[in-house]
Amino acid sequence: MSKIAQCVVLTFALLLSFSVLAKTEAREGARSSCKKVHGKCVTKRPAKKVVAKPAKKAVKRKFEGKLGWGTLAGTRAKLAFENRLAYELGLPRFQTLDEIQSAQSKLVRVPDETRTFYIDDHVNGDRRYLQSWSKDYLGQLAADFMSEAGGTADYPKIKVTSMVRDMQYQRGLRSVAQCRSPESCSTHLTGASFDISFNGMSVMQKAWMYRRLIRDRDLGLVVAIHEPFSGCFHIFVIKPDGDENGSAMPVQNHKPQ
């Protein structure tokens, strides 16, 4: 090997040894200054930089297609308001099916099917009754629905899914309105309430019904609640003042709060 080659190899070896020595000294220095945990040396790692995530934009809910939201959403306050009206108007609270059958001379039988609405098959024949003003309102609502919104193949006309109930039947349902307190009763017990299914309604049909119920609520005709889990509009028709058997007309001071 030539002298030049020997000099190059010797130089490289010296540089390598200096590099190893520098790393060893740095490591030993870190060990001497590090924190001892359970007899082991733990060096402090630099904290991670936290980057704040941008806030999500608020999504504005619309009632078309998502009718669980909006002014007809059910609340305990609205249920209590219904019950205050029912007590103020002196409406009955049927406890058993026998009581409903005994009161059928005062209640009005609702036809099983008309040109504008029909009663769902699961409704017992002994419960196809309403107060006279509620039956009149149902007939007018269904007629206006057919003339203005119109029927479709999936929803040809109004489908009524519930009318008068008794306490025994109500307590068999999964509902908060089971009269555990005077403010939490179901007004179906009075015969003044009925339910309309919106399953199968088109967006246009739902929008029409939603607007109509808001209008009639503001006129003091009804208290209306959208029930998304049961798939229906619950409608309590307010008894007209001083008119025992007449059609529903606006009632002063009987508007939902």
C-alpha atoms as a PDB file:
ATOM      1  CA  MET A   1       0.000   0.000   0.000  1.00  0.00           C
ATOM      2  CA  SER A   2       1.346   3.410  -0.908  1.00  0.00           C
ATOM      3  CA  LYS A   3       2.030   6.048   1.663  1.00  0.00           C
ATOM      4  CA  ILE A   4      -0.794   8.211   0.266  1.00  0.00           C
ATOM      5  CA  ALA A   5      -3.310   5.412   0.714  1.00  0.00           C
ATOM      6  CA  GLN A   6      -2.109   4.800   4.246  1.00  0.00           C
ATOM      7  CA  CYS A   7      -2.516   8.484   5.078  1.00  0.00           C
ATOM      8  CA  VAL A   8      -6.130   8.482   3.719  1.00  0.00           C
ATOM      9  CA  VAL A   9      -7.090   5.388   5.748  1.00  0.00           C
ATOM     10  CA  LEU A  10      -5.527   6.820   8.898  1.00  0.00           C
ATOM     11  CA  THR A  11      -7.331  10.156   8.431  1.00  0.00           C
ATOM     12  CA  PHE A  12     -10.710   8.427   7.930  1.00  0.00           C
ATOM     13  CA  ALA A  13     -10.156   6.281  11.038  1.00  0.00           C
ATOM     14  CA  LEU A  14      -9.323   9.360  13.133  1.00  0.00           C
ATOM     15  CA  LEU A  15     -12.482  11.206  11.924  1.00  0.00           C
ATOM     16  CA  LEU A  16     -14.658   8.188  12.716  1.00  0.00           C
ATOM     17  CA  SER A  17     -13.234   7.838  16.203  1.00  0.00           C
ATOM     18  CA  PHE A  18     -13.796  11.569  16.889  1.00  0.00           C
ATOM     19  CA  SER A  19     -17.445  11.259  15.737  1.00  0.00           C
ATOM     20  CA  VAL A  20     -18.122   8.253  17.994  1.00  0.00           C
ATOM     21  CA  LEU A  21     -16.433  10.008  20.918  1.00  0.00           C
ATOM     22  CA  ALA A  22     -18.571  13.155  20.392  1.00  0.00           C
ATOM     23  CA  LYS A  23     -21.824  11.132  20.332  1.00  0.00           C
ATOM     24  CA  THR A  24     -20.804   9.204  23.460  1.00  0.00           C
ATOM     25  CA  GLU A  25     -20.048  12.443  25.332  1.00  0.00           C
ATOM     26  CA  ALA A  26     -23.375  13.959  24.265  1.00  0.00           C
ATOM     27  CA  ARG A  27     -25.267  10.865  25.409  1.00  0.00           C
ATOM     28  CA  GLU A  28     -23.493  10.814  28.760  1.00  0.00           C
ATOM     29  CA  GLY A  29     -24.242  14.499  29.226  1.00  0.00           C
ATOM     30  CA  ALA A  30     -27.914  13.912  28.554  1.00  0.00           C
ATOM     31  CA  ARG A  31     -27.970  11.013  30.997  1.00  0.00           C
ATOM     32  CA  SER A  32     -26.424  13.132  33.740  1.00  0.00           C
ATOM     33  CA  SER A  33     -29.042  15.847  33.293  1.00  0.00           C
ATOM     34  CA  CYS A  34     -32.086  13.667  32.697  1.00  0.00           C
ATOM     35  CA  LYS A  35     -34.786  12.776  35.218  1.00  0.00           C
ATOM     36  CA  LYS A  36     -34.558   9.419  36.980  1.00  0.00           C
ATOM     37  CA  VAL A  37     -37.831   7.455  36.958  1.00  0.00           C
ATOM     38  CA  HIS A  38     -37.915   4.004  38.576  1.00  0.00           C
ATOM     39  CA  GLY A  39     -34.138   3.868  38.265  1.00  0.00           C
ATOM     40  CA  LYS A  40     -34.189   4.561  34.546  1.00  0.00           C
ATOM     41  CA  CYS A  41     -33.174   7.665  32.716  1.00  0.00           C
ATOM     42  CA  VAL A  42     -36.078   9.378  30.985  1.00  0.00           C
ATOM     43  CA  THR A  43     -35.302  12.383  28.867  1.00  0.00           C
ATOM     44  CA  LYS A  44     -38.004  15.012  28.427  1.00  0.00           C
ATOM     45  CA  ARG A  45     -39.557  14.959  25.007  1.00  0.00           C
ATOM     46  CA  PRO A  46     -40.652  18.188  23.380  1.00  0.00           C
ATOM     47  CA  ALA A  47     -44.368  18.869  23.749  1.00  0.00           C
ATOM     48  CA  LYS A  48     -46.487  18.320  20.680  1.00  0.00           C
ATOM     49  CA  LYS A  49     -47.839  21.416  19.060  1.00  0.00           C
ATOM     50  CA  VAL A  50     -51.611  21.530  19.393  1.00  0.00           C
ATOM     51  CA  VAL A  51     -53.433  22.944  16.408  1.00  0.00           C
ATOM     52  CA  ALA A  52     -56.989  24.123  17.099  1.00  0.00           C
ATOM     53  CA  LYS A  53     -59.572  22.580  14.781  1.00  0.00           C
ATOM     54  CA  PRO A  54     -61.870  24.995  13.002  1.00  0.00           C
ATOM     55  CA  ALA A  55     -65.391  25.152  14.452  1.00  0.00           C
ATOM     56  CA  LYS A  56     -68.056  23.299  12.508  1.00  0.00           C
ATOM     57  CA  LYS A  57     -70.529  25.451  10.697  1.00  0.00           C
ATOM     58  CA  ALA A  58     -74.051  25.417  12.107  1.00  0.00           C
ATOM     59  CA  VAL A  59     -76.497  23.492   9.947  1.00  0.00           C
ATOM     60  CA  LYS A  60     -79.858  25.152   9.482  1.00  0.00           C
ATOM     61  CA  ARG A  61     -82.588  22.560   9.771  1.00  0.00           C
ATOM     62  CA  LYS A  62     -85.555  22.717   7.415  1.00  0.00           C
ATOM     63  CA  PHE A  63     -88.908  21.101   8.001  1.00  0.00           C
ATOM     64  CA  GLU A  64     -89.112  19.646   4.479  1.00  0.00           C
ATOM     65  CA  GLY A  65     -88.153  16.021   4.851  1.00  0.00           C
ATOM     66  CA  LYS A  66     -87.184  16.536   8.527  1.00  0.00           C
ATOM     67  CA  LEU A  67     -90.480  17.361  10.166  1.00  0.00           C
ATOM     68  CA  GLY A  68     -89.193  16.469  13.625  1.00  0.00           C
ATOM     69  CA  TRP A  69     -87.823  19.994  13.809  1.00  0.00           C
ATOM     70  CA  GLY A  70     -89.672  23.275  13.791  1.00  0.00           C
ATOM     71  CA  THR A  71     -92.548  24.979  15.530  1.00  0.00           C
ATOM     72  CA  LEU A  72     -94.691  21.831  15.716  1.00  0.00           C
ATOM     73  CA  ALA A  73     -92.102  19.830  17.654  1.00  0.00           C
ATOM     74  CA  GLY A  74     -93.580  18.228  20.746  1.00  0.00           C
ATOM     75  CA  THR A  75     -92.630  19.546  24.191  1.00  0.00           C
ATOM     76  CA  ARG A  76     -93.793  18.905  27.732  1.00  0.00           C
ATOM     77  CA  ALA A  77     -94.941  22.527  27.903  1.00  0.00           C
ATOM     78  CA  LYS A  78     -97.169  22.002  24.866  1.00  0.00           C
ATOM     79  CA  LEU A  79     -98.623  18.820  26.376  1.00  0.00           C
ATOM     80  CA  ALA A  80     -99.348  20.696  29.616  1.00  0.00           C
ATOM     81  CA  PHE A  81    -101.017  23.481  27.603  1.00  0.00           C
ATOM     82  CA  GLU A  82    -103.285  20.925  25.911  1.00  0.00           C
ATOM     83  CA  ASN A  83    -104.304  19.554  29.276  1.00  0.00           C
ATOM     84  CA  ARG A  84    -105.033  23.008  30.723  1.00  0.00           C
ATOM     85  CA  LEU A  85    -107.373  23.637  27.798  1.00  0.00           C
ATOM     86  CA  ALA A  86    -109.049  20.250  28.224  1.00  0.00           C
ATOM     87  CA  TYR A  87    -109.738  20.928  31.913  1.00  0.00           C
ATOM     88  CA  GLU A  88    -110.874  24.511  31.268  1.00  0.00           C
ATOM     89  CA  LEU A  89    -113.292  23.309  28.583  1.00  0.00           C
ATOM     90  CA  GLY A  90    -114.668  20.589  30.880  1.00  0.00           C
ATOM     91  CA  LEU A  91    -113.845  17.704  28.558  1.00  0.00           C
ATOM     92  CA  PRO A  92    -114.226  14.119  29.830  1.00  0.00           C
ATOM     93  CA  ARG A  93    -111.402  11.671  30.517  1.00  0.00           C
ATOM     94  CA  PHE A  94    -112.483   8.177  29.540  1.00  0.00           C
ATOM     95  CA  GLN A  95    -110.971   5.581  31.846  1.00  0.00           C
ATOM     96  CA  THR A  96    -112.248   2.377  30.217  1.00  0.00           C
ATOM     97  CA  LEU A  97    -113.650   1.185  26.906  1.00  0.00           C
ATOM     98  CA  ASP A  98    -117.010   0.689  28.661  1.00  0.00           C
ATOM     99  CA  GLU A  99    -117.095   4.427  29.404  1.00  0.00           C
ATOM    100  CA  ILE A 100    -116.456   5.212  25.740  1.00  0.00           C
ATOM    101  CA  GLN A 101    -119.243   2.846  24.699  1.00  0.00           C
ATOM    102  CA  SER A 102    -121.604   4.468  27.211  1.00  0.00           C
ATOM    103  CA  ALA A 103    -120.733   7.922  25.853  1.00  0.00           C
ATOM    104  CA  GLN A 104    -121.183   7.043  22.201  1.00  0.00           C
ATOM    105  CA  SER A 105    -124.476   8.910  22.175  1.00  0.00           C
ATOM    106  CA  LYS A 106    -122.505  12.114  22.879  1.00  0.00           C
ATOM    107  CA  LEU A 107    -119.525  11.307  20.671  1.00  0.00           C
ATOM    108  CA  VAL A 108    -119.825  11.157  16.868  1.00  0.00           C
ATOM    109  CA  ARG A 109    -119.008   8.066  14.816  1.00  0.00           C
ATOM    110  CA  VAL A 110    -116.331   8.751  12.193  1.00  0.00           C
ATOM    111  CA  PRO A 111    -116.871   7.003   8.839  1.00  0.00           C
ATOM    112  CA  ASP A 112    -114.400   4.243   8.068  1.00  0.00           C
ATOM    113  CA  GLU A 113    -113.620   5.828   4.700  1.00  0.00           C
ATOM    114  CA  THR A 114    -114.674   8.879   2.720  1.00  0.00           C
ATOM    115  CA  ARG A 115    -113.492  10.492  -0.498  1.00  0.00           C
ATOM    116  CA  THR A 116    -110.848  12.477   1.424  1.00  0.00           C
ATOM    117  CA  PHE A 117    -109.735  10.282   4.367  1.00  0.00           C
ATOM    118  CA  TYR A 118    -109.826   6.758   5.763  1.00  0.00           C
ATOM    119  CA  ILE A 119    -109.249   5.112   9.161  1.00  0.00           C
ATOM    120  CA  ASP A 120    -106.325   2.726   9.530  1.00  0.00           C
ATOM    121  CA  ASP A 121    -107.299  -0.922   9.990  1.00  0.00           C
ATOM    122  CA  HIS A 122    -105.653  -1.261  13.416  1.00  0.00           C
ATOM    123  CA  VAL A 123    -108.096   1.243  15.013  1.00  0.00           C
ATOM    124  CA  ASN A 124    -110.733  -0.688  16.952  1.00  0.00           C
ATOM    125  CA  GLY A 125    -114.311  -0.064  15.820  1.00  0.00           C
ATOM    126  CA  ASP A 126    -115.298   1.007  19.349  1.00  0.00           C
ATOM    127  CA  ARG A 127    -112.671   3.763  19.217  1.00  0.00           C
ATOM    128  CA  ARG A 128    -113.650   5.282  15.872  1.00  0.00           C
ATOM    129  CA  TYR A 129    -115.370   8.194  17.592  1.00  0.00           C
ATOM    130  CA  LEU A 130    -114.627  11.885  18.091  1.00  0.00           C
ATOM    131  CA  GLN A 131    -116.204  14.950  19.598  1.00  0.00           C
ATOM    132  CA  SER A 132    -118.471  16.634  17.018  1.00  0.00           C
ATOM    133  CA  TRP A 133    -116.224  19.670  16.525  1.00  0.00           C
ATOM    134  CA  SER A 134    -113.165  17.442  16.048  1.00  0.00           C
ATOM    135  CA  LYS A 135    -114.940  15.342  13.421  1.00  0.00           C
ATOM    136  CA  ASP A 136    -115.964  18.535  11.571  1.00  0.00           C
ATOM    137  CA  TYR A 137    -112.399  19.819  11.623  1.00  0.00           C
ATOM    138  CA  LEU A 138    -111.040  16.485  10.339  1.00  0.00           C
ATOM    139  CA  GLY A 139    -113.499  16.555   7.439  1.00  0.00           C
ATOM    140  CA  GLN A 140    -112.593  20.121   6.466  1.00  0.00           C
ATOM    141  CA  LEU A 141    -108.846  19.513   6.825  1.00  0.00           C
ATOM    142  CA  ALA A 142    -109.003  16.380   4.669  1.00  0.00           C
ATOM    143  CA  ALA A 143    -111.099  18.125   1.993  1.00  0.00           C
ATOM    144  CA  ASP A 144    -108.680  21.051   1.788  1.00  0.00           C
ATOM    145  CA  PHE A 145    -105.714  18.673   1.689  1.00  0.00           C
ATOM    146  CA  MET A 146    -107.138  16.831  -1.300  1.00  0.00           C
ATOM    147  CA  SER A 147    -108.071  19.990  -3.215  1.00  0.00           C
ATOM    148  CA  GLU A 148    -104.846  21.907  -2.543  1.00  0.00           C
ATOM    149  CA  ALA A 149    -102.105  19.295  -2.008  1.00  0.00           C
ATOM    150  CA  GLY A 150    -103.729  16.352  -3.793  1.00  0.00           C
ATOM    151  CA  GLY A 151    -103.222  12.638  -3.404  1.00  0.00           C
ATOM    152  CA  THR A 152    -100.364  10.518  -4.706  1.00  0.00           C
ATOM    153  CA  ALA A 153     -99.881   6.830  -5.387  1.00  0.00           C
ATOM    154  CA  ASP A 154     -98.065   6.456  -2.036  1.00  0.00           C
ATOM    155  CA  TYR A 155    -100.460   8.694  -0.110  1.00  0.00           C
ATOM    156  CA  PRO A 156    -103.822   8.910  -1.920  1.00  0.00           C
ATOM    157  CA  LYS A 157    -105.723  10.595   0.945  1.00  0.00           C
ATOM    158  CA  ILE A 158    -105.559  11.397   4.663  1.00  0.00           C
ATOM    159  CA  LYS A 159    -104.831   8.377   6.857  1.00  0.00           C
ATOM    160  CA  VAL A 160    -106.254   8.597  10.401  1.00  0.00           C
ATOM    161  CA  THR A 161    -104.402   6.363  12.864  1.00  0.00           C
ATOM    162  CA  SER A 162    -105.961   7.215  16.235  1.00  0.00           C
ATOM    163  CA  MET A 163    -109.028   8.886  17.749  1.00  0.00           C
ATOM    164  CA  VAL A 164    -110.646   8.493  21.171  1.00  0.00           C
ATOM    165  CA  ARG A 165    -108.758   6.320  23.678  1.00  0.00           C
ATOM    166  CA  ASP A 166    -109.353   5.110  27.216  1.00  0.00           C
ATOM    167  CA  MET A 167    -106.836   5.168  30.049  1.00  0.00           C
ATOM    168  CA  GLN A 168    -106.296   1.412  29.991  1.00  0.00           C
ATOM    169  CA  TYR A 169    -105.384   1.538  26.305  1.00  0.00           C
ATOM    170  CA  GLN A 170    -103.213   4.648  26.703  1.00  0.00           C
ATOM    171  CA  ARG A 171    -101.097   3.089  29.440  1.00  0.00           C
ATOM    172  CA  GLY A 172    -100.313   0.177  27.154  1.00  0.00           C
ATOM    173  CA  LEU A 173     -98.613   2.544  24.710  1.00  0.00           C
ATOM    174  CA  ARG A 174     -95.010   3.732  24.833  1.00  0.00           C
ATOM    175  CA  SER A 175     -95.852   7.352  25.550  1.00  0.00           C
ATOM    176  CA  VAL A 176     -95.042  10.047  28.098  1.00  0.00           C
ATOM    177  CA  ALA A 177     -98.736  11.046  28.065  1.00  0.00           C
ATOM    178  CA  GLN A 178     -99.971   8.475  30.587  1.00  0.00           C
ATOM    179  CA  CYS A 179    -101.483  10.792  33.227  1.00  0.00           C
ATOM    180  CA  ARG A 180     -98.785  10.307  35.830  1.00  0.00           C
ATOM    181  CA  SER A 181     -99.583  13.949  36.574  1.00  0.00           C
ATOM    182  CA  PRO A 182    -102.534  16.145  35.491  1.00  0.00           C
ATOM    183  CA  GLU A 183    -100.243  17.936  33.016  1.00  0.00           C
ATOM    184  CA  SER A 184     -99.059  14.731  31.314  1.00  0.00           C
ATOM    185  CA  CYS A 185    -102.355  13.180  30.215  1.00  0.00           C
ATOM    186  CA  SER A 186    -103.175  12.335  26.632  1.00  0.00           C
ATOM    187  CA  THR A 187    -105.985  14.447  25.206  1.00  0.00           C
ATOM    188  CA  HIS A 188    -107.033  11.397  23.177  1.00  0.00           C
ATOM    189  CA  LEU A 189    -108.889  10.486  26.389  1.00  0.00           C
ATOM    190  CA  THR A 190    -111.223  13.429  25.745  1.00  0.00           C
ATOM    191  CA  GLY A 191    -112.282  12.377  22.250  1.00  0.00           C
ATOM    192  CA  ALA A 192    -111.158  15.771  20.908  1.00  0.00           C
ATOM    193  CA  SER A 193    -107.831  14.583  19.456  1.00  0.00           C
ATOM    194  CA  PHE A 194    -106.896  12.476  16.465  1.00  0.00           C
ATOM    195  CA  ASP A 195    -103.660  11.477  14.709  1.00  0.00           C
ATOM    196  CA  ILE A 196    -102.851  11.729  11.002  1.00  0.00           C
ATOM    197  CA  SER A 197    -100.062   9.550   9.622  1.00  0.00           C
ATOM    198  CA  PHE A 198     -97.471  11.251   7.425  1.00  0.00           C
ATOM    199  CA  ASN A 199     -95.741   8.004   6.407  1.00  0.00           C
ATOM    200  CA  GLY A 200     -95.839   7.938   2.623  1.00  0.00           C
ATOM    201  CA  MET A 201     -96.545  11.657   2.238  1.00  0.00           C
ATOM    202  CA  SER A 202     -94.566  13.476  -0.405  1.00  0.00           C
ATOM    203  CA  VAL A 203     -92.452  16.478   0.534  1.00  0.00           C
ATOM    204  CA  MET A 204     -95.116  18.770  -0.917  1.00  0.00           C
ATOM    205  CA  GLN A 205     -97.899  17.061   1.039  1.00  0.00           C
ATOM    206  CA  LYS A 206     -95.929  17.289   4.281  1.00  0.00           C
ATOM    207  CA  ALA A 207     -95.128  20.936   3.677  1.00  0.00           C
ATOM    208  CA  TRP A 208     -98.788  21.719   3.029  1.00  0.00           C
ATOM    209  CA  MET A 209     -99.902  19.951   6.212  1.00  0.00           C
ATOM    210  CA  TYR A 210     -97.207  21.656   8.267  1.00  0.00           C
ATOM    211  CA  ARG A 211     -98.183  25.125   7.024  1.00  0.00           C
ATOM    212  CA  ARG A 212    -101.898  24.449   7.513  1.00  0.00           C
ATOM    213  CA  LEU A 213    -101.502  23.235  11.094  1.00  0.00           C
ATOM    214  CA  ILE A 214     -99.339  26.239  11.976  1.00  0.00           C
ATOM    215  CA  ARG A 215    -102.005  28.547  10.538  1.00  0.00           C
ATOM    216  CA  ASP A 216    -104.839  26.846  12.427  1.00  0.00           C
ATOM    217  CA  ARG A 217    -102.792  26.830  15.615  1.00  0.00           C
ATOM    218  CA  ASP A 218    -102.229  30.574  15.313  1.00  0.00           C
ATOM    219  CA  LEU A 219    -105.974  31.047  14.753  1.00  0.00           C
ATOM    220  CA  GLY A 220    -106.711  29.247  18.013  1.00  0.00           C
ATOM    221  CA  LEU A 221    -108.371  26.265  16.339  1.00  0.00           C
ATOM    222  CA  VAL A 222    -105.983  23.483  17.326  1.00  0.00           C
ATOM    223  CA  VAL A 223    -102.912  22.449  19.262  1.00  0.00           C
ATOM    224  CA  ALA A 224    -100.791  20.464  16.807  1.00  0.00           C
ATOM    225  CA  ILE A 225     -97.718  18.363  17.546  1.00  0.00           C
ATOM    226  CA  HIS A 226     -95.448  16.608  15.098  1.00  0.00           C
ATOM    227  CA  GLU A 227     -94.496  13.172  16.468  1.00  0.00           C
ATOM    228  CA  PRO A 228     -91.563  11.875  14.381  1.00  0.00           C
ATOM    229  CA  PHE A 229     -91.150   8.596  16.271  1.00  0.00           C
ATOM    230  CA  SER A 230     -94.785   7.554  15.830  1.00  0.00           C
ATOM    231  CA  GLY A 231     -94.911   8.974  12.299  1.00  0.00           C
ATOM    232  CA  CYS A 232     -97.940  11.201  12.765  1.00  0.00           C
ATOM    233  CA  PHE A 233     -99.347  14.659  13.374  1.00  0.00           C
ATOM    234  CA  HIS A 234    -101.221  14.808  16.674  1.00  0.00           C
ATOM    235  CA  ILE A 235    -104.109  17.286  16.492  1.00  0.00           C
ATOM    236  CA  PHE A 236    -106.156  18.451  19.487  1.00  0.00           C
ATOM    237  CA  VAL A 237    -109.159  20.423  18.240  1.00  0.00           C
ATOM    238  CA  ILE A 238    -110.253  23.165  20.620  1.00  0.00           C
ATOM    239  CA  LYS A 239    -113.927  23.166  21.521  1.00  0.00           C
ATOM    240  CA  PRO A 240    -115.660  26.338  20.278  1.00  0.00           C
ATOM    241  CA  ASP A 241    -116.803  28.735  23.010  1.00  0.00           C
ATOM    242  CA  GLY A 242    -120.524  28.638  23.610  1.00  0.00           C
ATOM    243  CA  ASP A 243    -121.171  26.201  20.758  1.00  0.00           C
ATOM    244  CA  GLU A 244    -121.803  22.676  21.968  1.00  0.00           C
ATOM    245  CA  ASN A 245    -122.131  20.994  18.577  1.00  0.00           C
ATOM    246  CA  GLY A 246    -120.882  23.560  16.042  1.00  0.00           C
ATOM    247  CA  SER A 247    -117.847  23.537  13.794  1.00  0.00           C
ATOM    248  CA  ALA A 248    -114.500  24.608  15.186  1.00  0.00           C
ATOM    249  CA  MET A 249    -114.078  28.372  15.159  1.00  0.00           C
ATOM    250  CA  PRO A 250    -111.252  30.514  16.576  1.00  0.00           C
ATOM    251  CA  VAL A 251    -111.252  30.561  20.379  1.00  0.00           C
ATOM    252  CA  GLN A 252    -109.999  33.695  22.113  1.00  0.00           C
ATOM    253  CA  ASN A 253    -107.122  33.288  24.599  1.00  0.00           C
ATOM    254  CA  HIS A 254    -106.708  29.642  23.607  1.00  0.00           C
ATOM    255  CA  LYS A 255    -103.478  29.853  21.670  1.00  0.00           C
ATOM    256  CA  PRO A 256    -100.385  27.793  22.464  1.00  0.00           C
ATOM    257  CA  GLN A 257     -97.711  29.630  24.426  1.00  0.00           C
END
